[in-house]
Amino acid sequence: MLSMFKKLFGGENGQLKDVLSQGAVVVDVRTAEEFSEGHVSGSVNIPLDQLQAKIQELKKDDKIVVCCRSGNRSGQAMHFLQAQGFTSVINGGSWQNVNAHLKK
């Protein structure tokens, strides 16, 4: 059960670190206002409610890390992208979690 929550809310930290070191695209699915208050440097802001309309901005073969405030919206984004054929998508959880893994 714990592993299910890790996958849903924050990914596997080893896997997260690996894909970030490989240059994964970080997609922050919070609102523009939330994003402006702080975000991972170099991340792309595509709010969850706009993801379907802006999906063409992402490449299906890229490694993608989605993040948000807590991991809930990024979990929804991960499942949506996977359903659209994206094969390498990780829920990074909060943007602070992703940021911390970039600095390790």
C-alpha atoms as a PDB file:
ATOM      1  CA  MET A   1       0.000   0.000   0.000  1.00  0.00           C
ATOM      2  CA  LEU A   2       2.832   2.398   0.843  1.00  0.00           C
ATOM      3  CA  SER A   3       4.464   1.831  -2.544  1.00  0.00           C
ATOM      4  CA  MET A   4       1.167   2.733  -4.216  1.00  0.00           C
ATOM      5  CA  PHE A   5       1.152   6.089  -2.416  1.00  0.00           C
ATOM      6  CA  LYS A   6       4.797   6.698  -3.312  1.00  0.00           C
ATOM      7  CA  LYS A   7       4.007   6.165  -6.975  1.00  0.00           C
ATOM      8  CA  LEU A   8       0.867   8.271  -6.850  1.00  0.00           C
ATOM      9  CA  PHE A   9       2.263  11.134  -4.765  1.00  0.00           C
ATOM     10  CA  GLY A  10       5.874  11.713  -5.558  1.00  0.00           C
ATOM     11  CA  GLY A  11       7.306   8.954  -7.681  1.00  0.00           C
ATOM     12  CA  GLU A  12      10.192   6.749  -6.707  1.00  0.00           C
ATOM     13  CA  ASN A  13      12.946   9.091  -5.576  1.00  0.00           C
ATOM     14  CA  GLY A  14      15.741   7.089  -7.224  1.00  0.00           C
ATOM     15  CA  GLN A  15      13.893   7.033 -10.529  1.00  0.00           C
ATOM     16  CA  LEU A  16      13.095  10.736 -10.197  1.00  0.00           C
ATOM     17  CA  LYS A  17      16.730  11.621  -9.644  1.00  0.00           C
ATOM     18  CA  ASP A  18      17.778   9.483 -12.622  1.00  0.00           C
ATOM     19  CA  VAL A  19      15.364  11.039 -15.120  1.00  0.00           C
ATOM     20  CA  LEU A  20      16.141  14.550 -13.898  1.00  0.00           C
ATOM     21  CA  SER A  21      19.857  13.906 -14.409  1.00  0.00           C
ATOM     22  CA  GLN A  22      19.011  12.742 -17.947  1.00  0.00           C
ATOM     23  CA  GLY A  23      17.423  16.115 -18.749  1.00  0.00           C
ATOM     24  CA  ALA A  24      13.749  15.319 -18.265  1.00  0.00           C
ATOM     25  CA  VAL A  25      11.244  18.037 -19.083  1.00  0.00           C
ATOM     26  CA  VAL A  26       9.672  19.298 -15.852  1.00  0.00           C
ATOM     27  CA  VAL A  27       6.021  20.251 -16.305  1.00  0.00           C
ATOM     28  CA  ASP A  28       4.411  22.164 -13.451  1.00  0.00           C
ATOM     29  CA  VAL A  29       0.638  21.726 -13.613  1.00  0.00           C
ATOM     30  CA  ARG A  30      -0.271  24.388 -11.042  1.00  0.00           C
ATOM     31  CA  THR A  31      -2.028  27.608 -11.985  1.00  0.00           C
ATOM     32  CA  ALA A  32      -0.004  30.478 -13.457  1.00  0.00           C
ATOM     33  CA  GLU A  33      -0.442  32.375 -10.187  1.00  0.00           C
ATOM     34  CA  GLU A  34       0.922  29.478  -8.114  1.00  0.00           C
ATOM     35  CA  PHE A  35       3.785  29.033 -10.583  1.00  0.00           C
ATOM     36  CA  SER A  36       4.735  32.709 -10.290  1.00  0.00           C
ATOM     37  CA  GLU A  37       5.113  32.302  -6.521  1.00  0.00           C
ATOM     38  CA  GLY A  38       7.894  29.728  -6.985  1.00  0.00           C
ATOM     39  CA  HIS A  39       8.827  26.886  -9.311  1.00  0.00           C
ATOM     40  CA  VAL A  40      11.605  24.628 -10.531  1.00  0.00           C
ATOM     41  CA  SER A  41      14.055  26.607 -12.645  1.00  0.00           C
ATOM     42  CA  GLY A  42      13.558  25.739 -16.312  1.00  0.00           C
ATOM     43  CA  SER A  43      10.203  24.078 -15.761  1.00  0.00           C
ATOM     44  CA  VAL A  44       7.268  24.551 -18.116  1.00  0.00           C
ATOM     45  CA  ASN A  45       3.964  25.742 -16.683  1.00  0.00           C
ATOM     46  CA  ILE A  46       0.948  24.007 -18.190  1.00  0.00           C
ATOM     47  CA  PRO A  47      -1.941  24.166 -15.713  1.00  0.00           C
ATOM     48  CA  LEU A  48      -3.798  20.880 -15.355  1.00  0.00           C
ATOM     49  CA  ASP A  49      -7.008  22.342 -16.768  1.00  0.00           C
ATOM     50  CA  GLN A  50      -5.110  23.404 -19.924  1.00  0.00           C
ATOM     51  CA  LEU A  51      -3.066  20.224 -20.404  1.00  0.00           C
ATOM     52  CA  GLN A  52      -5.360  18.678 -22.994  1.00  0.00           C
ATOM     53  CA  ALA A  53      -5.364  21.845 -25.115  1.00  0.00           C
ATOM     54  CA  LYS A  54      -1.578  22.298 -24.859  1.00  0.00           C
ATOM     55  CA  ILE A  55      -0.478  18.671 -25.141  1.00  0.00           C
ATOM     56  CA  GLN A  56       1.164  19.409 -28.510  1.00  0.00           C
ATOM     57  CA  GLU A  57       3.806  21.417 -26.613  1.00  0.00           C
ATOM     58  CA  LEU A  58       5.172  18.113 -25.280  1.00  0.00           C
ATOM     59  CA  LYS A  59       6.916  15.306 -27.164  1.00  0.00           C
ATOM     60  CA  LYS A  60       5.729  11.756 -26.556  1.00  0.00           C
ATOM     61  CA  ASP A  61       9.281  10.379 -26.513  1.00  0.00           C
ATOM     62  CA  ASP A  62      10.621  12.889 -23.940  1.00  0.00           C
ATOM     63  CA  LYS A  63      11.170  11.944 -20.332  1.00  0.00           C
ATOM     64  CA  ILE A  64       8.657  14.075 -18.423  1.00  0.00           C
ATOM     65  CA  VAL A  65       8.382  14.855 -14.719  1.00  0.00           C
ATOM     66  CA  VAL A  66       5.092  16.426 -13.680  1.00  0.00           C
ATOM     67  CA  CYS A  67       4.805  18.356 -10.436  1.00  0.00           C
ATOM     68  CA  CYS A  68       2.374  20.564  -8.562  1.00  0.00           C
ATOM     69  CA  ARG A  69       1.835  21.660  -4.969  1.00  0.00           C
ATOM     70  CA  SER A  70       1.263  18.273  -3.337  1.00  0.00           C
ATOM     71  CA  GLY A  71       1.357  15.533  -5.969  1.00  0.00           C
ATOM     72  CA  ASN A  72      -2.388  15.248  -6.523  1.00  0.00           C
ATOM     73  CA  ARG A  73      -2.738  17.281  -9.716  1.00  0.00           C
ATOM     74  CA  SER A  74       0.565  15.956 -11.032  1.00  0.00           C
ATOM     75  CA  GLY A  75      -0.751  12.422 -10.477  1.00  0.00           C
ATOM     76  CA  GLN A  76      -3.796  13.266 -12.575  1.00  0.00           C
ATOM     77  CA  ALA A  77      -1.551  14.803 -15.238  1.00  0.00           C
ATOM     78  CA  MET A  78       0.684  11.721 -15.286  1.00  0.00           C
ATOM     79  CA  HIS A  79      -2.285   9.396 -15.839  1.00  0.00           C
ATOM     80  CA  PHE A  80      -3.700  11.668 -18.548  1.00  0.00           C
ATOM     81  CA  LEU A  81      -0.376  11.834 -20.408  1.00  0.00           C
ATOM     82  CA  GLN A  82       0.100   8.074 -20.155  1.00  0.00           C
ATOM     83  CA  ALA A  83      -3.385   7.556 -21.592  1.00  0.00           C
ATOM     84  CA  GLN A  84      -2.361   9.794 -24.511  1.00  0.00           C
ATOM     85  CA  GLY A  85       0.639   7.584 -25.316  1.00  0.00           C
ATOM     86  CA  PHE A  86       3.419   9.276 -23.352  1.00  0.00           C
ATOM     87  CA  THR A  87       5.649   6.436 -22.188  1.00  0.00           C
ATOM     88  CA  SER A  88       8.083   8.077 -19.773  1.00  0.00           C
ATOM     89  CA  VAL A  89       6.133  10.210 -17.307  1.00  0.00           C
ATOM     90  CA  ILE A  90       6.891  10.398 -13.595  1.00  0.00           C
ATOM     91  CA  ASN A  91       4.876  12.106 -10.883  1.00  0.00           C
ATOM     92  CA  GLY A  92       7.506  14.169  -9.094  1.00  0.00           C
ATOM     93  CA  GLY A  93       5.068  15.233  -6.393  1.00  0.00           C
ATOM     94  CA  SER A  94       5.526  18.766  -5.150  1.00  0.00           C
ATOM     95  CA  TRP A  95       7.663  21.205  -7.085  1.00  0.00           C
ATOM     96  CA  GLN A  96       9.826  21.523  -3.964  1.00  0.00           C
ATOM     97  CA  ASN A  97      10.480  17.767  -4.055  1.00  0.00           C
ATOM     98  CA  VAL A  98      11.563  17.969  -7.688  1.00  0.00           C
ATOM     99  CA  ASN A  99      13.699  21.018  -6.939  1.00  0.00           C
ATOM    100  CA  ALA A 100      15.431  19.207  -4.071  1.00  0.00           C
ATOM    101  CA  HIS A 101      16.280  16.277  -6.352  1.00  0.00           C
ATOM    102  CA  LEU A 102      17.779  18.614  -8.934  1.00  0.00           C
ATOM    103  CA  LYS A 103      20.158  19.990  -6.315  1.00  0.00           C
ATOM    104  CA  LYS A 104      21.423  16.591  -5.103  1.00  0.00           C
END
